[in-house]
Amino acid sequence: PGHHAEPDEHMGFCFFNNVSVAIKVMQTRTPLKRVLILDWCV
């Protein structure tokens, strides 16, 4: 899932924080800049 990854370190099986990476890519490739990320852990 990626949500446990830290900026400089993986945690468990999470090597990339998928949502953070995707948002950064989206911000550079589209006009959208503001995003709300809601992450919860069941």
PDB file of all heavy atoms in Angstrom:
ATOM      1  N   PRO A   1       0.804  -1.215   0.000  1.00  0.00           N
ATOM      2  CA  PRO A   1       0.000   0.000   0.000  1.00  0.00           C
ATOM      3  C   PRO A   1       0.841   1.271   0.000  1.00  0.00           C
ATOM      4  O   PRO A   1       0.429   2.280  -0.551  1.00  0.00           O
ATOM      5  CB  PRO A   1      -0.830  -0.109   1.272  1.00  0.00           C
ATOM      6  CG  PRO A   1      -0.010  -0.967   2.178  1.00  0.00           C
ATOM      7  CD  PRO A   1       0.691  -1.938   1.272  1.00  0.00           C
ATOM      8  N   GLY A   2       1.979   1.245   0.629  1.00  0.00           N
ATOM      9  CA  GLY A   2       2.880   2.384   0.594  1.00  0.00           C
ATOM     10  C   GLY A   2       2.720   3.408   1.687  1.00  0.00           C
ATOM     11  O   GLY A   2       3.589   4.228   1.897  1.00  0.00           O
ATOM     12  N   HIS A   3       1.609   3.378   2.411  1.00  0.00           N
ATOM     13  CA  HIS A   3       1.361   4.481   3.337  1.00  0.00           C
ATOM     14  C   HIS A   3       2.231   4.488   4.588  1.00  0.00           C
ATOM     15  O   HIS A   3       2.220   5.465   5.323  1.00  0.00           O
ATOM     16  CB  HIS A   3      -0.120   4.557   3.702  1.00  0.00           C
ATOM     17  CG  HIS A   3      -0.614   3.422   4.546  1.00  0.00           C
ATOM     18  ND1 HIS A   3      -1.532   3.587   5.533  1.00  0.00           N
ATOM     19  CD2 HIS A   3      -0.322   2.100   4.513  1.00  0.00           C
ATOM     20  CE1 HIS A   3      -1.787   2.417   6.097  1.00  0.00           C
ATOM     21  NE2 HIS A   3      -1.074   1.501   5.479  1.00  0.00           N
ATOM     22  N   HIS A   4       3.003   3.476   4.823  1.00  0.00           N
ATOM     23  CA  HIS A   4       3.899   3.478   5.980  1.00  0.00           C
ATOM     24  C   HIS A   4       5.278   4.040   5.659  1.00  0.00           C
ATOM     25  O   HIS A   4       6.068   4.294   6.552  1.00  0.00           O
ATOM     26  CB  HIS A   4       4.074   2.054   6.532  1.00  0.00           C
ATOM     27  CG  HIS A   4       2.830   1.524   7.172  1.00  0.00           C
ATOM     28  ND1 HIS A   4       2.296   0.316   6.812  1.00  0.00           N
ATOM     29  CD2 HIS A   4       2.014   2.028   8.120  1.00  0.00           C
ATOM     30  CE1 HIS A   4       1.194   0.093   7.524  1.00  0.00           C
ATOM     31  NE2 HIS A   4       1.000   1.119   8.312  1.00  0.00           N
ATOM     32  N   ALA A   5       5.597   4.218   4.398  1.00  0.00           N
ATOM     33  CA  ALA A   5       6.920   4.683   3.999  1.00  0.00           C
ATOM     34  C   ALA A   5       7.167   6.116   4.471  1.00  0.00           C
ATOM     35  O   ALA A   5       6.292   6.962   4.400  1.00  0.00           O
ATOM     36  CB  ALA A   5       7.075   4.598   2.487  1.00  0.00           C
ATOM     37  N   GLU A   6       8.364   6.342   4.948  1.00  0.00           N
ATOM     38  CA  GLU A   6       8.799   7.674   5.365  1.00  0.00           C
ATOM     39  C   GLU A   6       9.569   8.317   4.212  1.00  0.00           C
ATOM     40  O   GLU A   6       9.996   7.630   3.290  1.00  0.00           O
ATOM     41  CB  GLU A   6       9.698   7.555   6.599  1.00  0.00           C
ATOM     42  CG  GLU A   6       9.011   6.961   7.820  1.00  0.00           C
ATOM     43  CD  GLU A   6       7.982   7.900   8.420  1.00  0.00           C
ATOM     44  OE1 GLU A   6       8.176   9.136   8.346  1.00  0.00           O
ATOM     45  OE2 GLU A   6       6.968   7.409   8.950  1.00  0.00           O
ATOM     46  N   PRO A   7       9.795   9.638   4.252  1.00  0.00           N
ATOM     47  CA  PRO A   7      10.522  10.281   3.141  1.00  0.00           C
ATOM     48  C   PRO A   7      11.898   9.680   2.872  1.00  0.00           C
ATOM     49  O   PRO A   7      12.334   9.613   1.720  1.00  0.00           O
ATOM     50  CB  PRO A   7      10.639  11.734   3.588  1.00  0.00           C
ATOM     51  CG  PRO A   7       9.500  11.939   4.531  1.00  0.00           C
ATOM     52  CD  PRO A   7       9.317  10.609   5.226  1.00  0.00           C
ATOM     53  N   ASP A   8      12.592   9.254   3.909  1.00  0.00           N
ATOM     54  CA  ASP A   8      13.951   8.752   3.723  1.00  0.00           C
ATOM     55  C   ASP A   8      14.130   7.284   4.090  1.00  0.00           C
ATOM     56  O   ASP A   8      15.256   6.799   4.123  1.00  0.00           O
ATOM     57  CB  ASP A   8      14.941   9.582   4.552  1.00  0.00           C
ATOM     58  CG  ASP A   8      14.979  11.029   4.100  1.00  0.00           C
ATOM     59  OD1 ASP A   8      14.830  11.265   2.887  1.00  0.00           O
ATOM     60  OD2 ASP A   8      15.157  11.915   4.947  1.00  0.00           O
ATOM     61  N   GLU A   9      13.045   6.585   4.402  1.00  0.00           N
ATOM     62  CA  GLU A   9      13.183   5.206   4.849  1.00  0.00           C
ATOM     63  C   GLU A   9      11.912   4.415   4.602  1.00  0.00           C
ATOM     64  O   GLU A   9      10.813   4.916   4.794  1.00  0.00           O
ATOM     65  CB  GLU A   9      13.511   5.192   6.344  1.00  0.00           C
ATOM     66  CG  GLU A   9      13.870   3.834   6.878  1.00  0.00           C
ATOM     67  CD  GLU A   9      14.366   3.900   8.314  1.00  0.00           C
ATOM     68  OE1 GLU A   9      14.859   4.953   8.728  1.00  0.00           O
ATOM     69  OE2 GLU A   9      14.237   2.889   8.999  1.00  0.00           O
ATOM     70  N   HIS A  10      12.089   3.166   4.167  1.00  0.00           N
ATOM     71  CA  HIS A  10      10.922   2.301   4.000  1.00  0.00           C
ATOM     72  C   HIS A  10      10.517   1.748   5.373  1.00  0.00           C
ATOM     73  O   HIS A  10      11.296   1.764   6.316  1.00  0.00           O
ATOM     74  CB  HIS A  10      11.231   1.171   3.025  1.00  0.00           C
ATOM     75  CG  HIS A  10      12.085   0.092   3.604  1.00  0.00           C
ATOM     76  ND1 HIS A  10      13.429   0.254   3.812  1.00  0.00           N
ATOM     77  CD2 HIS A  10      11.776  -1.153   4.030  1.00  0.00           C
ATOM     78  CE1 HIS A  10      13.922  -0.847   4.341  1.00  0.00           C
ATOM     79  NE2 HIS A  10      12.946  -1.726   4.474  1.00  0.00           N
ATOM     80  N   MET A  11       9.280   1.290   5.454  1.00  0.00           N
ATOM     81  CA  MET A  11       8.793   0.654   6.682  1.00  0.00           C
ATOM     82  C   MET A  11       7.993  -0.566   6.271  1.00  0.00           C
ATOM     83  O   MET A  11       7.075  -0.460   5.463  1.00  0.00           O
ATOM     84  CB  MET A  11       7.936   1.618   7.508  1.00  0.00           C
ATOM     85  CG  MET A  11       8.719   2.790   8.068  1.00  0.00           C
ATOM     86  SD  MET A  11       7.717   3.866   9.094  1.00  0.00           S
ATOM     87  CE  MET A  11       7.617   2.889  10.583  1.00  0.00           C
ATOM     88  N   GLY A  12       8.342  -1.691   6.832  1.00  0.00           N
ATOM     89  CA  GLY A  12       7.657  -2.925   6.464  1.00  0.00           C
ATOM     90  C   GLY A  12       7.857  -3.211   4.995  1.00  0.00           C
ATOM     91  O   GLY A  12       8.979  -3.196   4.497  1.00  0.00           O
ATOM     92  N   PHE A  13       6.753  -3.428   4.278  1.00  0.00           N
ATOM     93  CA  PHE A  13       6.830  -3.680   2.848  1.00  0.00           C
ATOM     94  C   PHE A  13       6.646  -2.405   2.027  1.00  0.00           C
ATOM     95  O   PHE A  13       6.604  -2.459   0.809  1.00  0.00           O
ATOM     96  CB  PHE A  13       5.772  -4.704   2.431  1.00  0.00           C
ATOM     97  CG  PHE A  13       6.025  -6.064   3.012  1.00  0.00           C
ATOM     98  CD1 PHE A  13       5.223  -6.562   4.031  1.00  0.00           C
ATOM     99  CD2 PHE A  13       7.077  -6.835   2.539  1.00  0.00           C
ATOM    100  CE1 PHE A  13       5.464  -7.814   4.565  1.00  0.00           C
ATOM    101  CE2 PHE A  13       7.326  -8.093   3.076  1.00  0.00           C
ATOM    102  CZ  PHE A  13       6.514  -8.578   4.088  1.00  0.00           C
ATOM    103  N   CYS A  14       6.493  -1.271   2.683  1.00  0.00           N
ATOM    104  CA  CYS A  14       6.232  -0.010   1.993  1.00  0.00           C
ATOM    105  C   CYS A  14       7.549   0.694   1.663  1.00  0.00           C
ATOM    106  O   CYS A  14       8.222   1.209   2.551  1.00  0.00           O
ATOM    107  CB  CYS A  14       5.354   0.893   2.854  1.00  0.00           C
ATOM    108  SG  CYS A  14       3.756   0.159   3.273  1.00  0.00           S
ATOM    109  N   PHE A  15       7.907   0.701   0.381  1.00  0.00           N
ATOM    110  CA  PHE A  15       9.145   1.349  -0.051  1.00  0.00           C
ATOM    111  C   PHE A  15       8.905   2.778  -0.508  1.00  0.00           C
ATOM    112  O   PHE A  15       9.767   3.630  -0.392  1.00  0.00           O
ATOM    113  CB  PHE A  15       9.799   0.550  -1.171  1.00  0.00           C
ATOM    114  CG  PHE A  15      10.346  -0.755  -0.692  1.00  0.00           C
ATOM    115  CD1 PHE A  15       9.572  -1.905  -0.733  1.00  0.00           C
ATOM    116  CD2 PHE A  15      11.609  -0.821  -0.162  1.00  0.00           C
ATOM    117  CE1 PHE A  15      10.076  -3.115  -0.270  1.00  0.00           C
ATOM    118  CE2 PHE A  15      12.123  -2.028   0.307  1.00  0.00           C
ATOM    119  CZ  PHE A  15      11.344  -3.176   0.258  1.00  0.00           C
ATOM    120  N   PHE A  16       7.746   3.042  -1.090  1.00  0.00           N
ATOM    121  CA  PHE A  16       7.370   4.374  -1.553  1.00  0.00           C
ATOM    122  C   PHE A  16       6.039   4.747  -0.923  1.00  0.00           C
ATOM    123  O   PHE A  16       5.157   3.908  -0.810  1.00  0.00           O
ATOM    124  CB  PHE A  16       7.203   4.419  -3.072  1.00  0.00           C
ATOM    125  CG  PHE A  16       8.370   3.851  -3.825  1.00  0.00           C
ATOM    126  CD1 PHE A  16       8.254   2.655  -4.513  1.00  0.00           C
ATOM    127  CD2 PHE A  16       9.577   4.513  -3.847  1.00  0.00           C
ATOM    128  CE1 PHE A  16       9.324   2.127  -5.215  1.00  0.00           C
ATOM    129  CE2 PHE A  16      10.662   3.993  -4.540  1.00  0.00           C
ATOM    130  CZ  PHE A  16      10.534   2.798  -5.226  1.00  0.00           C
ATOM    131  N   ASN A  17       5.876   6.003  -0.552  1.00  0.00           N
ATOM    132  CA  ASN A  17       4.572   6.474  -0.098  1.00  0.00           C
ATOM    133  C   ASN A  17       3.783   6.797  -1.366  1.00  0.00           C
ATOM    134  O   ASN A  17       3.880   7.891  -1.920  1.00  0.00           O
ATOM    135  CB  ASN A  17       4.720   7.689   0.817  1.00  0.00           C
ATOM    136  CG  ASN A  17       3.409   8.056   1.464  1.00  0.00           C
ATOM    137  OD1 ASN A  17       2.381   8.072   0.805  1.00  0.00           O
ATOM    138  ND2 ASN A  17       3.444   8.339   2.744  1.00  0.00           N
ATOM    139  N   ASN A  18       3.036   5.815  -1.849  1.00  0.00           N
ATOM    140  CA  ASN A  18       2.375   5.903  -3.145  1.00  0.00           C
ATOM    141  C   ASN A  18       1.533   7.158  -3.317  1.00  0.00           C
ATOM    142  O   ASN A  18       1.574   7.789  -4.371  1.00  0.00           O
ATOM    143  CB  ASN A  18       1.502   4.670  -3.371  1.00  0.00           C
ATOM    144  CG  ASN A  18       2.299   3.392  -3.412  1.00  0.00           C
ATOM    145  OD1 ASN A  18       3.500   3.404  -3.635  1.00  0.00           O
ATOM    146  ND2 ASN A  18       1.636   2.269  -3.183  1.00  0.00           N
ATOM    147  N   VAL A  19       0.758   7.514  -2.320  1.00  0.00           N
ATOM    148  CA  VAL A  19      -0.118   8.676  -2.439  1.00  0.00           C
ATOM    149  C   VAL A  19       0.700   9.953  -2.548  1.00  0.00           C
ATOM    150  O   VAL A  19       0.423  10.807  -3.398  1.00  0.00           O
ATOM    151  CB  VAL A  19      -1.109   8.737  -1.254  1.00  0.00           C
ATOM    152  CG1 VAL A  19      -1.891  10.038  -1.266  1.00  0.00           C
ATOM    153  CG2 VAL A  19      -2.052   7.549  -1.297  1.00  0.00           C
ATOM    154  N   SER A  20       1.709  10.104  -1.723  1.00  0.00           N
ATOM    155  CA  SER A  20       2.546  11.304  -1.792  1.00  0.00           C
ATOM    156  C   SER A  20       3.243  11.432  -3.139  1.00  0.00           C
ATOM    157  O   SER A  20       3.301  12.518  -3.716  1.00  0.00           O
ATOM    158  CB  SER A  20       3.593  11.286  -0.678  1.00  0.00           C
ATOM    159  OG  SER A  20       2.965  11.333   0.580  1.00  0.00           O
ATOM    160  N   VAL A  21       3.755  10.332  -3.641  1.00  0.00           N
ATOM    161  CA  VAL A  21       4.423  10.352  -4.942  1.00  0.00           C
ATOM    162  C   VAL A  21       3.418  10.705  -6.042  1.00  0.00           C
ATOM    163  O   VAL A  21       3.682  11.554  -6.903  1.00  0.00           O
ATOM    164  CB  VAL A  21       5.107   8.997  -5.238  1.00  0.00           C
ATOM    165  CG1 VAL A  21       5.640   8.949  -6.659  1.00  0.00           C
ATOM    166  CG2 VAL A  21       6.214   8.722  -4.236  1.00  0.00           C
ATOM    167  N   ALA A  22       2.254  10.086  -6.008  1.00  0.00           N
ATOM    168  CA  ALA A  22       1.230  10.346  -7.030  1.00  0.00           C
ATOM    169  C   ALA A  22       0.773  11.801  -7.005  1.00  0.00           C
ATOM    170  O   ALA A  22       0.592  12.415  -8.061  1.00  0.00           O
ATOM    171  CB  ALA A  22       0.040   9.408  -6.830  1.00  0.00           C
ATOM    172  N   ILE A  23       0.609  12.360  -5.825  1.00  0.00           N
ATOM    173  CA  ILE A  23       0.183  13.759  -5.726  1.00  0.00           C
ATOM    174  C   ILE A  23       1.260  14.685  -6.277  1.00  0.00           C
ATOM    175  O   ILE A  23       0.967  15.648  -6.990  1.00  0.00           O
ATOM    176  CB  ILE A  23      -0.167  14.124  -4.268  1.00  0.00           C
ATOM    177  CG1 ILE A  23      -1.383  13.325  -3.800  1.00  0.00           C
ATOM    178  CG2 ILE A  23      -0.404  15.626  -4.129  1.00  0.00           C
ATOM    179  CD1 ILE A  23      -2.625  13.450  -4.639  1.00  0.00           C
ATOM    180  N   LYS A  24       2.502  14.418  -5.961  1.00  0.00           N
ATOM    181  CA  LYS A  24       3.597  15.247  -6.479  1.00  0.00           C
ATOM    182  C   LYS A  24       3.638  15.194  -8.006  1.00  0.00           C
ATOM    183  O   LYS A  24       3.798  16.221  -8.671  1.00  0.00           O
ATOM    184  CB  LYS A  24       4.925  14.782  -5.879  1.00  0.00           C
ATOM    185  CG  LYS A  24       6.037  15.734  -6.126  1.00  0.00           C
ATOM    186  CD  LYS A  24       5.753  17.034  -5.420  1.00  0.00           C
ATOM    187  CE  LYS A  24       7.019  17.859  -5.278  1.00  0.00           C
ATOM    188  NZ  LYS A  24       6.735  19.146  -4.668  1.00  0.00           N
ATOM    189  N   VAL A  25       3.479  14.002  -8.572  1.00  0.00           N
ATOM    190  CA  VAL A  25       3.444  13.861 -10.034  1.00  0.00           C
ATOM    191  C   VAL A  25       2.251  14.627 -10.601  1.00  0.00           C
ATOM    192  O   VAL A  25       2.377  15.371 -11.581  1.00  0.00           O
ATOM    193  CB  VAL A  25       3.398  12.375 -10.449  1.00  0.00           C
ATOM    194  CG1 VAL A  25       3.123  12.229 -11.940  1.00  0.00           C
ATOM    195  CG2 VAL A  25       4.686  11.673 -10.064  1.00  0.00           C
ATOM    196  N   MET A  26       1.079  14.475  -9.985  1.00  0.00           N
ATOM    197  CA  MET A  26      -0.125  15.167 -10.445  1.00  0.00           C
ATOM    198  C   MET A  26       0.065  16.679 -10.418  1.00  0.00           C
ATOM    199  O   MET A  26      -0.315  17.382 -11.351  1.00  0.00           O
ATOM    200  CB  MET A  26      -1.319  14.771  -9.578  1.00  0.00           C
ATOM    201  CG  MET A  26      -2.617  15.419 -10.016  1.00  0.00           C
ATOM    202  SD  MET A  26      -3.755  15.689  -8.649  1.00  0.00           S
ATOM    203  CE  MET A  26      -2.896  16.926  -7.710  1.00  0.00           C
ATOM    204  N   GLN A  27       0.692  17.193  -9.365  1.00  0.00           N
ATOM    205  CA  GLN A  27       0.906  18.635  -9.249  1.00  0.00           C
ATOM    206  C   GLN A  27       1.847  19.168 -10.328  1.00  0.00           C
ATOM    207  O   GLN A  27       1.729  20.318 -10.729  1.00  0.00           O
ATOM    208  CB  GLN A  27       1.457  18.980  -7.864  1.00  0.00           C
ATOM    209  CG  GLN A  27       0.431  18.829  -6.764  1.00  0.00           C
ATOM    210  CD  GLN A  27       1.021  18.984  -5.381  1.00  0.00           C
ATOM    211  OE1 GLN A  27       2.174  18.657  -5.136  1.00  0.00           O
ATOM    212  NE2 GLN A  27       0.212  19.502  -4.471  1.00  0.00           N
ATOM    213  N   THR A  28       2.776  18.345 -10.780  1.00  0.00           N
ATOM    214  CA  THR A  28       3.700  18.806 -11.818  1.00  0.00           C
ATOM    215  C   THR A  28       3.134  18.639 -13.223  1.00  0.00           C
ATOM    216  O   THR A  28       3.557  19.350 -14.129  1.00  0.00           O
ATOM    217  CB  THR A  28       5.055  18.062 -11.733  1.00  0.00           C
ATOM    218  OG1 THR A  28       4.846  16.668 -11.928  1.00  0.00           O
ATOM    219  CG2 THR A  28       5.739  18.298 -10.399  1.00  0.00           C
ATOM    220  N   ARG A  29       2.159  17.748 -13.394  1.00  0.00           N
ATOM    221  CA  ARG A  29       1.650  17.466 -14.744  1.00  0.00           C
ATOM    222  C   ARG A  29       0.267  18.023 -15.036  1.00  0.00           C
ATOM    223  O   ARG A  29      -0.209  17.913 -16.170  1.00  0.00           O
ATOM    224  CB  ARG A  29       1.631  15.957 -14.985  1.00  0.00           C
ATOM    225  CG  ARG A  29       3.012  15.352 -14.981  1.00  0.00           C
ATOM    226  CD  ARG A  29       2.960  13.907 -15.377  1.00  0.00           C
ATOM    227  NE  ARG A  29       4.271  13.289 -15.259  1.00  0.00           N
ATOM    228  CZ  ARG A  29       4.506  12.020 -15.482  1.00  0.00           C
ATOM    229  NH1 ARG A  29       3.525  11.219 -15.860  1.00  0.00           N
ATOM    230  NH2 ARG A  29       5.709  11.535 -15.337  1.00  0.00           N
ATOM    231  N   THR A  30      -0.399  18.584 -14.019  1.00  0.00           N
ATOM    232  CA  THR A  30      -1.737  19.151 -14.224  1.00  0.00           C
ATOM    233  C   THR A  30      -1.804  20.508 -13.525  1.00  0.00           C
ATOM    234  O   THR A  30      -0.935  20.845 -12.714  1.00  0.00           O
ATOM    235  CB  THR A  30      -2.844  18.236 -13.632  1.00  0.00           C
ATOM    236  OG1 THR A  30      -2.806  18.294 -12.207  1.00  0.00           O
ATOM    237  CG2 THR A  30      -2.707  16.796 -14.113  1.00  0.00           C
ATOM    238  N   PRO A  31      -2.845  21.280 -13.788  1.00  0.00           N
ATOM    239  CA  PRO A  31      -2.993  22.577 -13.113  1.00  0.00           C
ATOM    240  C   PRO A  31      -3.391  22.454 -11.632  1.00  0.00           C
ATOM    241  O   PRO A  31      -3.320  23.437 -10.888  1.00  0.00           O
ATOM    242  CB  PRO A  31      -4.095  23.288 -13.893  1.00  0.00           C
ATOM    243  CG  PRO A  31      -4.434  22.441 -15.054  1.00  0.00           C
ATOM    244  CD  PRO A  31      -3.815  21.099 -14.858  1.00  0.00           C
ATOM    245  N   LEU A  32      -3.805  21.276 -11.200  1.00  0.00           N
ATOM    246  CA  LEU A  32      -4.236  21.101  -9.811  1.00  0.00           C
ATOM    247  C   LEU A  32      -3.048  21.193  -8.860  1.00  0.00           C
ATOM    248  O   LEU A  32      -2.006  20.592  -9.101  1.00  0.00           O
ATOM    249  CB  LEU A  32      -4.937  19.764  -9.635  1.00  0.00           C
ATOM    250  CG  LEU A  32      -6.197  19.562 -10.471  1.00  0.00           C
ATOM    251  CD1 LEU A  32      -6.728  18.151 -10.293  1.00  0.00           C
ATOM    252  CD2 LEU A  32      -7.255  20.575 -10.094  1.00  0.00           C
ATOM    253  N   LYS A  33      -3.225  21.936  -7.767  1.00  0.00           N
ATOM    254  CA  LYS A  33      -2.130  22.107  -6.818  1.00  0.00           C
ATOM    255  C   LYS A  33      -2.520  21.739  -5.385  1.00  0.00           C
ATOM    256  O   LYS A  33      -1.710  21.254  -4.625  1.00  0.00           O
ATOM    257  CB  LYS A  33      -1.617  23.558  -6.828  1.00  0.00           C
ATOM    258  CG  LYS A  33      -1.125  24.007  -8.194  1.00  0.00           C
ATOM    259  CD  LYS A  33       0.002  23.128  -8.705  1.00  0.00           C
ATOM    260  CE  LYS A  33       0.403  23.520 -10.117  1.00  0.00           C
ATOM    261  NZ  LYS A  33       0.896  22.436 -10.897  1.00  0.00           N
ATOM    262  N   ARG A  34      -3.761  21.988  -5.003  1.00  0.00           N
ATOM    263  CA  ARG A  34      -4.187  21.727  -3.629  1.00  0.00           C
ATOM    264  C   ARG A  34      -4.908  20.386  -3.535  1.00  0.00           C
ATOM    265  O   ARG A  34      -5.786  20.089  -4.335  1.00  0.00           O
ATOM    266  CB  ARG A  34      -5.111  22.844  -3.146  1.00  0.00           C
ATOM    267  CG  ARG A  34      -4.394  24.176  -3.077  1.00  0.00           C
ATOM    268  CD  ARG A  34      -5.291  25.261  -2.615  1.00  0.00           C
ATOM    269  NE  ARG A  34      -5.634  25.006  -1.218  1.00  0.00           N
ATOM    270  CZ  ARG A  34      -6.477  25.732  -0.528  1.00  0.00           C
ATOM    271  NH1 ARG A  34      -7.082  26.751  -1.071  1.00  0.00           N
ATOM    272  NH2 ARG A  34      -6.737  25.438   0.723  1.00  0.00           N
ATOM    273  N   VAL A  35      -4.518  19.604  -2.520  1.00  0.00           N
ATOM    274  CA  VAL A  35      -5.063  18.257  -2.364  1.00  0.00           C
ATOM    275  C   VAL A  35      -5.259  17.970  -0.883  1.00  0.00           C
ATOM    276  O   VAL A  35      -4.443  18.377  -0.052  1.00  0.00           O
ATOM    277  CB  VAL A  35      -4.085  17.209  -2.951  1.00  0.00           C
ATOM    278  CG1 VAL A  35      -4.590  15.803  -2.720  1.00  0.00           C
ATOM    279  CG2 VAL A  35      -3.842  17.470  -4.424  1.00  0.00           C
ATOM    280  N   LEU A  36      -6.327  17.282  -0.559  1.00  0.00           N
ATOM    281  CA  LEU A  36      -6.548  16.784   0.795  1.00  0.00           C
ATOM    282  C   LEU A  36      -6.284  15.289   0.777  1.00  0.00           C
ATOM    283  O   LEU A  36      -6.867  14.561  -0.038  1.00  0.00           O
ATOM    284  CB  LEU A  36      -7.985  17.047   1.249  1.00  0.00           C
ATOM    285  CG  LEU A  36      -8.414  16.358   2.546  1.00  0.00           C
ATOM    286  CD1 LEU A  36      -7.647  16.935   3.733  1.00  0.00           C
ATOM    287  CD2 LEU A  36      -9.906  16.477   2.745  1.00  0.00           C
ATOM    288  N   ILE A  37      -5.398  14.834   1.647  1.00  0.00           N
ATOM    289  CA  ILE A  37      -5.113  13.405   1.776  1.00  0.00           C
ATOM    290  C   ILE A  37      -5.644  12.941   3.122  1.00  0.00           C
ATOM    291  O   ILE A  37      -5.258  13.473   4.154  1.00  0.00           O
ATOM    292  CB  ILE A  37      -3.601  13.126   1.683  1.00  0.00           C
ATOM    293  CG1 ILE A  37      -3.053  13.574   0.331  1.00  0.00           C
ATOM    294  CG2 ILE A  37      -3.321  11.639   1.926  1.00  0.00           C
ATOM    295  CD1 ILE A  37      -1.549  13.516   0.232  1.00  0.00           C
ATOM    296  N   LEU A  38      -6.518  11.972   3.107  1.00  0.00           N
ATOM    297  CA  LEU A  38      -7.067  11.389   4.327  1.00  0.00           C
ATOM    298  C   LEU A  38      -6.607   9.941   4.371  1.00  0.00           C
ATOM    299  O   LEU A  38      -6.943   9.140   3.502  1.00  0.00           O
ATOM    300  CB  LEU A  38      -8.599  11.469   4.319  1.00  0.00           C
ATOM    301  CG  LEU A  38      -9.322  10.814   5.473  1.00  0.00           C
ATOM    302  CD1 LEU A  38      -8.937  11.472   6.793  1.00  0.00           C
ATOM    303  CD2 LEU A  38     -10.819  10.878   5.266  1.00  0.00           C
ATOM    304  N   ASP A  39      -5.812   9.608   5.373  1.00  0.00           N
ATOM    305  CA  ASP A  39      -5.264   8.254   5.499  1.00  0.00           C
ATOM    306  C   ASP A  39      -5.653   7.714   6.868  1.00  0.00           C
ATOM    307  O   ASP A  39      -5.437   8.381   7.873  1.00  0.00           O
ATOM    308  CB  ASP A  39      -3.735   8.300   5.354  1.00  0.00           C
ATOM    309  CG  ASP A  39      -3.095   6.922   5.447  1.00  0.00           C
ATOM    310  OD1 ASP A  39      -3.809   5.912   5.312  1.00  0.00           O
ATOM    311  OD2 ASP A  39      -1.887   6.869   5.658  1.00  0.00           O
ATOM    312  N   TRP A  40      -6.252   6.557   6.898  1.00  0.00           N
ATOM    313  CA  TRP A  40      -6.553   5.925   8.172  1.00  0.00           C
ATOM    314  C   TRP A  40      -6.155   4.467   8.088  1.00  0.00           C
ATOM    315  O   TRP A  40      -6.065   3.897   7.019  1.00  0.00           O
ATOM    316  CB  TRP A  40      -8.017   6.097   8.565  1.00  0.00           C
ATOM    317  CG  TRP A  40      -8.969   5.251   7.800  1.00  0.00           C
ATOM    318  CD1 TRP A  40      -9.442   4.024   8.150  1.00  0.00           C
ATOM    319  CD2 TRP A  40      -9.579   5.559   6.537  1.00  0.00           C
ATOM    320  NE1 TRP A  40     -10.311   3.538   7.192  1.00  0.00           N
ATOM    321  CE2 TRP A  40     -10.410   4.480   6.184  1.00  0.00           C
ATOM    322  CE3 TRP A  40      -9.524   6.644   5.667  1.00  0.00           C
ATOM    323  CZ2 TRP A  40     -11.152   4.453   5.023  1.00  0.00           C
ATOM    324  CZ3 TRP A  40     -10.261   6.616   4.511  1.00  0.00           C
ATOM    325  CH2 TRP A  40     -11.061   5.520   4.209  1.00  0.00           C
ATOM    326  N   CYS A  41      -5.907   3.903   9.226  1.00  0.00           N
ATOM    327  CA  CYS A  41      -5.433   2.541   9.278  1.00  0.00           C
ATOM    328  C   CYS A  41      -6.461   1.684  10.017  1.00  0.00           C
ATOM    329  O   CYS A  41      -6.734   1.923  11.196  1.00  0.00           O
ATOM    330  CB  CYS A  41      -4.072   2.506   9.987  1.00  0.00           C
ATOM    331  SG  CYS A  41      -3.007   1.210   9.418  1.00  0.00           S
ATOM    332  N   VAL A  42      -7.016   0.717   9.346  1.00  0.00           N
ATOM    333  CA  VAL A  42      -7.943  -0.210   9.966  1.00  0.00           C
ATOM    334  C   VAL A  42      -7.115  -1.268  10.671  1.00  0.00           C
ATOM    335  O   VAL A  42      -6.161  -1.794  10.098  1.00  0.00           O
ATOM    336  CB  VAL A  42      -8.861  -0.858   8.897  1.00  0.00           C
ATOM    337  CG1 VAL A  42      -9.770  -1.885   9.522  1.00  0.00           C
ATOM    338  CG2 VAL A  42      -9.643   0.218   8.162  1.00  0.00           C
TER     339      VAL A  42
END
